[in-house]
Amino acid sequence: MCTFIRSSFLDDFFRKGQWRAGTHHFHIYQYQSEYWNNNILFRDYLRNYPIVLIHQLKEDLAEKYHMDRLLYSSVKAPFIEAIINKAKNELKC
């Protein structure tokens, strides 16, 4: 089962699985929107600095918040925002 959720006019979201127990999450962003650019900045920063251990953070949070996806995401958000800000500062965006 796949569910379509319109979360904003810039971000369409598809989820496979039940609410809060989805196995796949797929976002669609408007090309070159702020959301699009932030995701590209985040991806490129992690590619350039593989020492940034997001996988360890995600594993730790998944273990701690395995029954609460919303809390997992909200706790992870400040880390992601910090990486995006670092990437913007490096590029002077």
PDB file of N, CA and C in Angstrom:
ATOM      1  N   MET A   1       0.838  -1.180   0.000  1.00  0.00           N
ATOM      2  CA  MET A   1       0.000   0.000   0.000  1.00  0.00           C
ATOM      3  C   MET A   1       0.883   1.243   0.000  1.00  0.00           C
ATOM      4  N   CYS A   2       0.607   2.155  -0.886  1.00  0.00           N
ATOM      5  CA  CYS A   2       1.310   3.439  -0.922  1.00  0.00           C
ATOM      6  C   CYS A   2       0.304   4.536  -0.624  1.00  0.00           C
ATOM      7  N   THR A   3       0.743   5.520   0.122  1.00  0.00           N
ATOM      8  CA  THR A   3      -0.113   6.635   0.490  1.00  0.00           C
ATOM      9  C   THR A   3       0.517   7.916  -0.027  1.00  0.00           C
ATOM     10  N   PHE A   4      -0.286   8.760  -0.636  1.00  0.00           N
ATOM     11  CA  PHE A   4       0.172  10.064  -1.094  1.00  0.00           C
ATOM     12  C   PHE A   4      -0.261  11.103  -0.079  1.00  0.00           C
ATOM     13  N   ILE A   5       0.665  11.961   0.316  1.00  0.00           N
ATOM     14  CA  ILE A   5       0.365  13.032   1.266  1.00  0.00           C
ATOM     15  C   ILE A   5       0.900  14.334   0.678  1.00  0.00           C
ATOM     16  N   ARG A   6       0.052  15.304   0.535  1.00  0.00           N
ATOM     17  CA  ARG A   6       0.515  16.624   0.101  1.00  0.00           C
ATOM     18  C   ARG A   6       0.814  17.411   1.355  1.00  0.00           C
ATOM     19  N   SER A   7       2.117  17.606   1.603  1.00  0.00           N
ATOM     20  CA  SER A   7       2.494  18.290   2.832  1.00  0.00           C
ATOM     21  C   SER A   7       2.664  19.792   2.638  1.00  0.00           C
ATOM     22  N   SER A   8       2.878  20.216   1.420  1.00  0.00           N
ATOM     23  CA  SER A   8       2.901  21.638   1.095  1.00  0.00           C
ATOM     24  C   SER A   8       2.874  21.742  -0.414  1.00  0.00           C
ATOM     25  N   PHE A   9       2.760  22.941  -0.933  1.00  0.00           N
ATOM     26  CA  PHE A   9       2.735  23.073  -2.377  1.00  0.00           C
ATOM     27  C   PHE A   9       4.105  22.831  -3.002  1.00  0.00           C
ATOM     28  N   LEU A  10       5.157  22.752  -2.191  1.00  0.00           N
ATOM     29  CA  LEU A  10       6.502  22.512  -2.717  1.00  0.00           C
ATOM     30  C   LEU A  10       6.997  21.093  -2.470  1.00  0.00           C
ATOM     31  N   ASP A  11       6.278  20.331  -1.670  1.00  0.00           N
ATOM     32  CA  ASP A  11       6.780  19.027  -1.254  1.00  0.00           C
ATOM     33  C   ASP A  11       5.650  18.022  -1.265  1.00  0.00           C
ATOM     34  N   ASP A  12       5.691  17.083  -2.204  1.00  0.00           N
ATOM     35  CA  ASP A  12       4.758  15.970  -2.199  1.00  0.00           C
ATOM     36  C   ASP A  12       5.466  14.773  -1.601  1.00  0.00           C
ATOM     37  N   PHE A  13       4.750  13.994  -0.844  1.00  0.00           N
ATOM     38  CA  PHE A  13       5.346  12.924  -0.063  1.00  0.00           C
ATOM     39  C   PHE A  13       4.552  11.636  -0.267  1.00  0.00           C
ATOM     40  N   PHE A  14       5.266  10.566  -0.562  1.00  0.00           N
ATOM     41  CA  PHE A  14       4.654   9.257  -0.691  1.00  0.00           C
ATOM     42  C   PHE A  14       5.240   8.347   0.384  1.00  0.00           C
ATOM     43  N   ARG A  15       4.399   7.528   0.956  1.00  0.00           N
ATOM     44  CA  ARG A  15       4.851   6.595   1.976  1.00  0.00           C
ATOM     45  C   ARG A  15       4.324   5.211   1.634  1.00  0.00           C
ATOM     46  N   LYS A  16       5.182   4.199   1.776  1.00  0.00           N
ATOM     47  CA  LYS A  16       4.748   2.817   1.644  1.00  0.00           C
ATOM     48  C   LYS A  16       4.659   2.238   3.049  1.00  0.00           C
ATOM     49  N   GLY A  17       3.509   1.708   3.389  1.00  0.00           N
ATOM     50  CA  GLY A  17       3.300   1.149   4.716  1.00  0.00           C
ATOM     51  C   GLY A  17       2.313   1.975   5.509  1.00  0.00           C
ATOM     52  N   GLN A  18       2.009   1.498   6.678  1.00  0.00           N
ATOM     53  CA  GLN A  18       1.036   2.157   7.550  1.00  0.00           C
ATOM     54  C   GLN A  18       1.607   3.447   8.138  1.00  0.00           C
ATOM     55  N   TRP A  19       0.704   4.327   8.580  1.00  0.00           N
ATOM     56  CA  TRP A  19       1.097   5.576   9.230  1.00  0.00           C
ATOM     57  C   TRP A  19       1.999   5.269  10.414  1.00  0.00           C
ATOM     58  N   ARG A  20       3.133   5.967  10.485  1.00  0.00           N
ATOM     59  CA  ARG A  20       4.149   5.821  11.524  1.00  0.00           C
ATOM     60  C   ARG A  20       4.872   4.478  11.483  1.00  0.00           C
ATOM     61  N   ALA A  21       4.621   3.692  10.448  1.00  0.00           N
ATOM     62  CA  ALA A  21       5.317   2.414  10.318  1.00  0.00           C
ATOM     63  C   ALA A  21       5.696   2.187   8.855  1.00  0.00           C
ATOM     64  N   GLY A  22       5.911   3.275   8.128  1.00  0.00           N
ATOM     65  CA  GLY A  22       6.246   3.150   6.721  1.00  0.00           C
ATOM     66  C   GLY A  22       7.640   2.585   6.510  1.00  0.00           C
ATOM     67  N   THR A  23       7.794   1.861   5.435  1.00  0.00           N
ATOM     68  CA  THR A  23       9.096   1.275   5.114  1.00  0.00           C
ATOM     69  C   THR A  23       9.839   2.083   4.068  1.00  0.00           C
ATOM     70  N   HIS A  24       9.122   2.909   3.314  1.00  0.00           N
ATOM     71  CA  HIS A  24       9.731   3.736   2.280  1.00  0.00           C
ATOM     72  C   HIS A  24       9.102   5.127   2.353  1.00  0.00           C
ATOM     73  N   HIS A  25       9.934   6.146   2.169  1.00  0.00           N
ATOM     74  CA  HIS A  25       9.455   7.523   2.127  1.00  0.00           C
ATOM     75  C   HIS A  25      10.062   8.194   0.903  1.00  0.00           C
ATOM     76  N   PHE A  26       9.217   8.844   0.134  1.00  0.00           N
ATOM     77  CA  PHE A  26       9.640   9.430  -1.131  1.00  0.00           C
ATOM     78  C   PHE A  26       9.088  10.854  -1.209  1.00  0.00           C
ATOM     79  N   HIS A  27       9.979  11.823  -1.360  1.00  0.00           N
ATOM     80  CA  HIS A  27       9.575  13.228  -1.463  1.00  0.00           C
ATOM     81  C   HIS A  27       9.790  13.710  -2.886  1.00  0.00           C
ATOM     82  N   ILE A  28       8.911  14.573  -3.333  1.00  0.00           N
ATOM     83  CA  ILE A  28       9.063  15.236  -4.626  1.00  0.00           C
ATOM     84  C   ILE A  28       9.065  16.736  -4.361  1.00  0.00           C
ATOM     85  N   TYR A  29      10.134  17.407  -4.826  1.00  0.00           N
ATOM     86  CA  TYR A  29      10.271  18.845  -4.613  1.00  0.00           C
ATOM     87  C   TYR A  29      10.218  19.587  -5.932  1.00  0.00           C
ATOM     88  N   GLN A  30       9.749  20.803  -5.883  1.00  0.00           N
ATOM     89  CA  GLN A  30       9.775  21.667  -7.055  1.00  0.00           C
ATOM     90  C   GLN A  30      11.232  21.951  -7.393  1.00  0.00           C
ATOM     91  N   TYR A  31      11.578  21.796  -8.654  1.00  0.00           N
ATOM     92  CA  TYR A  31      12.951  21.985  -9.116  1.00  0.00           C
ATOM     93  C   TYR A  31      13.465  23.374  -8.737  1.00  0.00           C
ATOM     94  N   GLN A  32      14.624  23.415  -8.114  1.00  0.00           N
ATOM     95  CA  GLN A  32      15.344  24.614  -7.694  1.00  0.00           C
ATOM     96  C   GLN A  32      14.599  25.441  -6.634  1.00  0.00           C
ATOM     97  N   SER A  33      13.638  24.820  -5.948  1.00  0.00           N
ATOM     98  CA  SER A  33      12.990  25.500  -4.827  1.00  0.00           C
ATOM     99  C   SER A  33      13.950  25.483  -3.638  1.00  0.00           C
ATOM    100  N   GLU A  34      13.604  26.175  -2.572  1.00  0.00           N
ATOM    101  CA  GLU A  34      14.441  26.171  -1.374  1.00  0.00           C
ATOM    102  C   GLU A  34      14.599  24.748  -0.831  1.00  0.00           C
ATOM    103  N   TYR A  35      13.500  23.988  -0.832  1.00  0.00           N
ATOM    104  CA  TYR A  35      13.568  22.596  -0.359  1.00  0.00           C
ATOM    105  C   TYR A  35      14.518  21.773  -1.219  1.00  0.00           C
ATOM    106  N   TRP A  36      14.395  21.931  -2.528  1.00  0.00           N
ATOM    107  CA  TRP A  36      15.272  21.228  -3.472  1.00  0.00           C
ATOM    108  C   TRP A  36      16.735  21.588  -3.196  1.00  0.00           C
ATOM    109  N   ASN A  37      17.025  22.877  -3.138  1.00  0.00           N
ATOM    110  CA  ASN A  37      18.400  23.337  -2.944  1.00  0.00           C
ATOM    111  C   ASN A  37      18.976  22.861  -1.608  1.00  0.00           C
ATOM    112  N   ASN A  38      18.173  22.897  -0.553  1.00  0.00           N
ATOM    113  CA  ASN A  38      18.660  22.431   0.744  1.00  0.00           C
ATOM    114  C   ASN A  38      19.003  20.942   0.719  1.00  0.00           C
ATOM    115  N   ASN A  39      18.194  20.165   0.047  1.00  0.00           N
ATOM    116  CA  ASN A  39      18.489  18.730  -0.057  1.00  0.00           C
ATOM    117  C   ASN A  39      19.757  18.475  -0.858  1.00  0.00           C
ATOM    118  N   ILE A  40      19.967  19.233  -1.910  1.00  0.00           N
ATOM    119  CA  ILE A  40      21.184  19.093  -2.718  1.00  0.00           C
ATOM    120  C   ILE A  40      22.404  19.526  -1.898  1.00  0.00           C
ATOM    121  N   LEU A  41      22.293  20.638  -1.164  1.00  0.00           N
ATOM    122  CA  LEU A  41      23.392  21.087  -0.306  1.00  0.00           C
ATOM    123  C   LEU A  41      23.745  20.028   0.728  1.00  0.00           C
ATOM    124  N   PHE A  42      22.729  19.453   1.356  1.00  0.00           N
ATOM    125  CA  PHE A  42      22.946  18.422   2.369  1.00  0.00           C
ATOM    126  C   PHE A  42      23.636  17.200   1.761  1.00  0.00           C
ATOM    127  N   ARG A  43      23.130  16.747   0.626  1.00  0.00           N
ATOM    128  CA  ARG A  43      23.726  15.590  -0.055  1.00  0.00           C
ATOM    129  C   ARG A  43      25.179  15.848  -0.421  1.00  0.00           C
ATOM    130  N   ASP A  44      25.445  17.001  -1.020  1.00  0.00           N
ATOM    131  CA  ASP A  44      26.806  17.310  -1.461  1.00  0.00           C
ATOM    132  C   ASP A  44      27.763  17.467  -0.282  1.00  0.00           C
ATOM    133  N   TYR A  45      27.286  18.050   0.806  1.00  0.00           N
ATOM    134  CA  TYR A  45      28.140  18.203   1.984  1.00  0.00           C
ATOM    135  C   TYR A  45      28.557  16.837   2.520  1.00  0.00           C
ATOM    136  N   LEU A  46      27.598  15.922   2.609  1.00  0.00           N
ATOM    137  CA  LEU A  46      27.922  14.579   3.096  1.00  0.00           C
ATOM    138  C   LEU A  46      28.855  13.842   2.142  1.00  0.00           C
ATOM    139  N   ARG A  47      28.726  14.100   0.856  1.00  0.00           N
ATOM    140  CA  ARG A  47      29.648  13.490  -0.106  1.00  0.00           C
ATOM    141  C   ARG A  47      31.062  14.049   0.050  1.00  0.00           C
ATOM    142  N   ASN A  48      31.159  15.337   0.325  1.00  0.00           N
ATOM    143  CA  ASN A  48      32.466  15.981   0.462  1.00  0.00           C
ATOM    144  C   ASN A  48      33.111  15.734   1.820  1.00  0.00           C
ATOM    145  N   TYR A  49      32.301  15.486   2.830  1.00  0.00           N
ATOM    146  CA  TYR A  49      32.801  15.275   4.188  1.00  0.00           C
ATOM    147  C   TYR A  49      32.222  13.974   4.750  1.00  0.00           C
ATOM    148  N   PRO A  50      32.695  12.850   4.273  1.00  0.00           N
ATOM    149  CA  PRO A  50      32.121  11.574   4.731  1.00  0.00           C
ATOM    150  C   PRO A  50      32.356  11.296   6.213  1.00  0.00           C
ATOM    151  N   ILE A  51      33.220  12.059   6.838  1.00  0.00           N
ATOM    152  CA  ILE A  51      33.471  11.870   8.268  1.00  0.00           C
ATOM    153  C   ILE A  51      32.238  12.249   9.096  1.00  0.00           C
ATOM    154  N   VAL A  52      31.357  13.069   8.510  1.00  0.00           N
ATOM    155  CA  VAL A  52      30.119  13.429   9.194  1.00  0.00           C
ATOM    156  C   VAL A  52      29.301  12.147   9.321  1.00  0.00           C
ATOM    157  N   LEU A  53      29.100  11.723  10.533  1.00  0.00           N
ATOM    158  CA  LEU A  53      28.550  10.389  10.770  1.00  0.00           C
ATOM    159  C   LEU A  53      27.034  10.412  10.962  1.00  0.00           C
ATOM    160  N   ILE A  54      26.323  10.799   9.915  1.00  0.00           N
ATOM    161  CA  ILE A  54      24.870  10.817  10.037  1.00  0.00           C
ATOM    162  C   ILE A  54      24.315   9.417  10.211  1.00  0.00           C
ATOM    163  N   HIS A  55      24.982   8.417   9.624  1.00  0.00           N
ATOM    164  CA  HIS A  55      24.447   7.060   9.754  1.00  0.00           C
ATOM    165  C   HIS A  55      24.446   6.603  11.211  1.00  0.00           C
ATOM    166  N   GLN A  56      25.454   6.980  11.982  1.00  0.00           N
ATOM    167  CA  GLN A  56      25.479   6.605  13.399  1.00  0.00           C
ATOM    168  C   GLN A  56      24.372   7.317  14.166  1.00  0.00           C
ATOM    169  N   LEU A  57      24.186   8.609  13.859  1.00  0.00           N
ATOM    170  CA  LEU A  57      23.103   9.358  14.490  1.00  0.00           C
ATOM    171  C   LEU A  57      21.758   8.704  14.184  1.00  0.00           C
ATOM    172  N   LYS A  58      21.531   8.366  12.910  1.00  0.00           N
ATOM    173  CA  LYS A  58      20.261   7.771  12.514  1.00  0.00           C
ATOM    174  C   LYS A  58      20.043   6.417  13.185  1.00  0.00           C
ATOM    175  N   GLU A  59      21.087   5.612  13.280  1.00  0.00           N
ATOM    176  CA  GLU A  59      20.959   4.312  13.951  1.00  0.00           C
ATOM    177  C   GLU A  59      20.621   4.492  15.427  1.00  0.00           C
ATOM    178  N   ASP A  60      21.308   5.415  16.087  1.00  0.00           N
ATOM    179  CA  ASP A  60      21.051   5.665  17.508  1.00  0.00           C
ATOM    180  C   ASP A  60      19.617   6.157  17.726  1.00  0.00           C
ATOM    181  N   LEU A  61      19.189   7.088  16.880  1.00  0.00           N
ATOM    182  CA  LEU A  61      17.836   7.633  17.031  1.00  0.00           C
ATOM    183  C   LEU A  61      16.775   6.594  16.681  1.00  0.00           C
ATOM    184  N   ALA A  62      17.037   5.792  15.659  1.00  0.00           N
ATOM    185  CA  ALA A  62      16.079   4.748  15.278  1.00  0.00           C
ATOM    186  C   ALA A  62      15.893   3.739  16.405  1.00  0.00           C
ATOM    187  N   GLU A  63      16.979   3.419  17.084  1.00  0.00           N
ATOM    188  CA  GLU A  63      16.883   2.489  18.208  1.00  0.00           C
ATOM    189  C   GLU A  63      16.096   3.123  19.360  1.00  0.00           C
ATOM    190  N   LYS A  64      16.377   4.377  19.630  1.00  0.00           N
ATOM    191  CA  LYS A  64      15.732   5.057  20.754  1.00  0.00           C
ATOM    192  C   LYS A  64      14.265   5.387  20.474  1.00  0.00           C
ATOM    193  N   TYR A  65      13.954   5.791  19.227  1.00  0.00           N
ATOM    194  CA  TYR A  65      12.609   6.257  18.875  1.00  0.00           C
ATOM    195  C   TYR A  65      11.947   5.356  17.837  1.00  0.00           C
ATOM    196  N   HIS A  66      12.198   4.061  17.905  1.00  0.00           N
ATOM    197  CA  HIS A  66      11.694   3.156  16.871  1.00  0.00           C
ATOM    198  C   HIS A  66      10.171   3.109  16.795  1.00  0.00           C
ATOM    199  N   MET A  67       9.494   3.518  17.803  1.00  0.00           N
ATOM    200  CA  MET A  67       8.027   3.518  17.790  1.00  0.00           C
ATOM    201  C   MET A  67       7.435   4.912  17.557  1.00  0.00           C
ATOM    202  N   ASP A  68       8.281   5.900  17.336  1.00  0.00           N
ATOM    203  CA  ASP A  68       7.781   7.268  17.164  1.00  0.00           C
ATOM    204  C   ASP A  68       8.561   7.979  16.077  1.00  0.00           C
ATOM    205  N   ARG A  69       8.119   7.828  14.841  1.00  0.00           N
ATOM    206  CA  ARG A  69       8.813   8.410  13.700  1.00  0.00           C
ATOM    207  C   ARG A  69       8.841   9.938  13.759  1.00  0.00           C
ATOM    208  N   LEU A  70       7.775  10.540  14.242  1.00  0.00           N
ATOM    209  CA  LEU A  70       7.742  12.005  14.314  1.00  0.00           C
ATOM    210  C   LEU A  70       8.795  12.534  15.281  1.00  0.00           C
ATOM    211  N   LEU A  71       8.938  11.904  16.422  1.00  0.00           N
ATOM    212  CA  LEU A  71       9.950  12.331  17.381  1.00  0.00           C
ATOM    213  C   LEU A  71      11.344  12.068  16.822  1.00  0.00           C
ATOM    214  N   TYR A  72      11.537  10.921  16.180  1.00  0.00           N
ATOM    215  CA  TYR A  72      12.809  10.602  15.514  1.00  0.00           C
ATOM    216  C   TYR A  72      13.195  11.725  14.554  1.00  0.00           C
ATOM    217  N   SER A  73      12.245  12.125  13.718  1.00  0.00           N
ATOM    218  CA  SER A  73      12.519  13.177  12.728  1.00  0.00           C
ATOM    219  C   SER A  73      12.788  14.520  13.382  1.00  0.00           C
ATOM    220  N   SER A  74      12.031  14.847  14.419  1.00  0.00           N
ATOM    221  CA  SER A  74      12.223  16.153  15.062  1.00  0.00           C
ATOM    222  C   SER A  74      13.551  16.225  15.809  1.00  0.00           C
ATOM    223  N   VAL A  75      14.017  15.114  16.362  1.00  0.00           N
ATOM    224  CA  VAL A  75      15.309  15.104  17.055  1.00  0.00           C
ATOM    225  C   VAL A  75      16.458  15.166  16.044  1.00  0.00           C
ATOM    226  N   LYS A  76      16.270  14.597  14.879  1.00  0.00           N
ATOM    227  CA  LYS A  76      17.292  14.588  13.828  1.00  0.00           C
ATOM    228  C   LYS A  76      17.389  15.942  13.111  1.00  0.00           C
ATOM    229  N   ALA A  77      16.314  16.700  13.096  1.00  0.00           N
ATOM    230  CA  ALA A  77      16.229  17.941  12.325  1.00  0.00           C
ATOM    231  C   ALA A  77      17.319  18.964  12.640  1.00  0.00           C
ATOM    232  N   PRO A  78      17.660  19.242  13.911  1.00  0.00           N
ATOM    233  CA  PRO A  78      18.701  20.241  14.178  1.00  0.00           C
ATOM    234  C   PRO A  78      20.058  19.865  13.565  1.00  0.00           C
ATOM    235  N   PHE A  79      20.387  18.585  13.545  1.00  0.00           N
ATOM    236  CA  PHE A  79      21.626  18.141  12.918  1.00  0.00           C
ATOM    237  C   PHE A  79      21.606  18.450  11.420  1.00  0.00           C
ATOM    238  N   ILE A  80      20.504  18.129  10.773  1.00  0.00           N
ATOM    239  CA  ILE A  80      20.378  18.367   9.338  1.00  0.00           C
ATOM    240  C   ILE A  80      20.442  19.864   9.044  1.00  0.00           C
ATOM    241  N   GLU A  81      19.747  20.664   9.834  1.00  0.00           N
ATOM    242  CA  GLU A  81      19.770  22.118   9.638  1.00  0.00           C
ATOM    243  C   GLU A  81      21.178  22.678   9.822  1.00  0.00           C
ATOM    244  N   ALA A  82      21.919  22.155  10.773  1.00  0.00           N
ATOM    245  CA  ALA A  82      23.298  22.616  11.001  1.00  0.00           C
ATOM    246  C   ALA A  82      24.181  22.291   9.796  1.00  0.00           C
ATOM    247  N   ILE A  83      24.013  21.114   9.224  1.00  0.00           N
ATOM    248  CA  ILE A  83      24.796  20.736   8.045  1.00  0.00           C
ATOM    249  C   ILE A  83      24.446  21.632   6.863  1.00  0.00           C
ATOM    250  N   ILE A  84      23.171  21.900   6.661  1.00  0.00           N
ATOM    251  CA  ILE A  84      22.751  22.783   5.559  1.00  0.00           C
ATOM    252  C   ILE A  84      23.335  24.180   5.756  1.00  0.00           C
ATOM    253  N   ASN A  85      23.323  24.684   6.985  1.00  0.00           N
ATOM    254  CA  ASN A  85      23.901  26.010   7.252  1.00  0.00           C
ATOM    255  C   ASN A  85      25.400  26.025   7.021  1.00  0.00           C
ATOM    256  N   LYS A  86      26.108  24.962   7.408  1.00  0.00           N
ATOM    257  CA  LYS A  86      27.546  24.872   7.120  1.00  0.00           C
ATOM    258  C   LYS A  86      27.803  24.889   5.630  1.00  0.00           C
ATOM    259  N   ALA A  87      27.001  24.134   4.888  1.00  0.00           N
ATOM    260  CA  ALA A  87      27.174  24.088   3.439  1.00  0.00           C
ATOM    261  C   ALA A  87      26.904  25.452   2.813  1.00  0.00           C
ATOM    262  N   LYS A  88      25.880  26.136   3.272  1.00  0.00           N
ATOM    263  CA  LYS A  88      25.576  27.474   2.752  1.00  0.00           C
ATOM    264  C   LYS A  88      26.710  28.451   3.061  1.00  0.00           C
ATOM    265  N   ASN A  89      27.247  28.371   4.272  1.00  0.00           N
ATOM    266  CA  ASN A  89      28.366  29.259   4.652  1.00  0.00           C
ATOM    267  C   ASN A  89      29.595  29.010   3.799  1.00  0.00           C
ATOM    268  N   GLU A  90      29.869  27.758   3.506  1.00  0.00           N
ATOM    269  CA  GLU A  90      31.019  27.446   2.664  1.00  0.00           C
ATOM    270  C   GLU A  90      30.847  27.971   1.242  1.00  0.00           C
ATOM    271  N   LEU A  91      29.620  27.931   0.758  1.00  0.00           N
ATOM    272  CA  LEU A  91      29.338  28.405  -0.603  1.00  0.00           C
ATOM    273  C   LEU A  91      28.933  29.864  -0.635  1.00  0.00           C
ATOM    274  N   LYS A  92      28.748  30.444   0.563  1.00  0.00           N
ATOM    275  CA  LYS A  92      28.275  31.831   0.687  1.00  0.00           C
ATOM    276  C   LYS A  92      26.945  32.019  -0.016  1.00  0.00           C
ATOM    277  N   CYS A  93      26.006  31.060   0.227  1.00  0.00           N
ATOM    278  CA  CYS A  93      24.666  31.115  -0.400  1.00  0.00           C
ATOM    279  C   CYS A  93      23.813  32.152   0.303  1.00  0.00           C
TER     280      CYS A  93
END
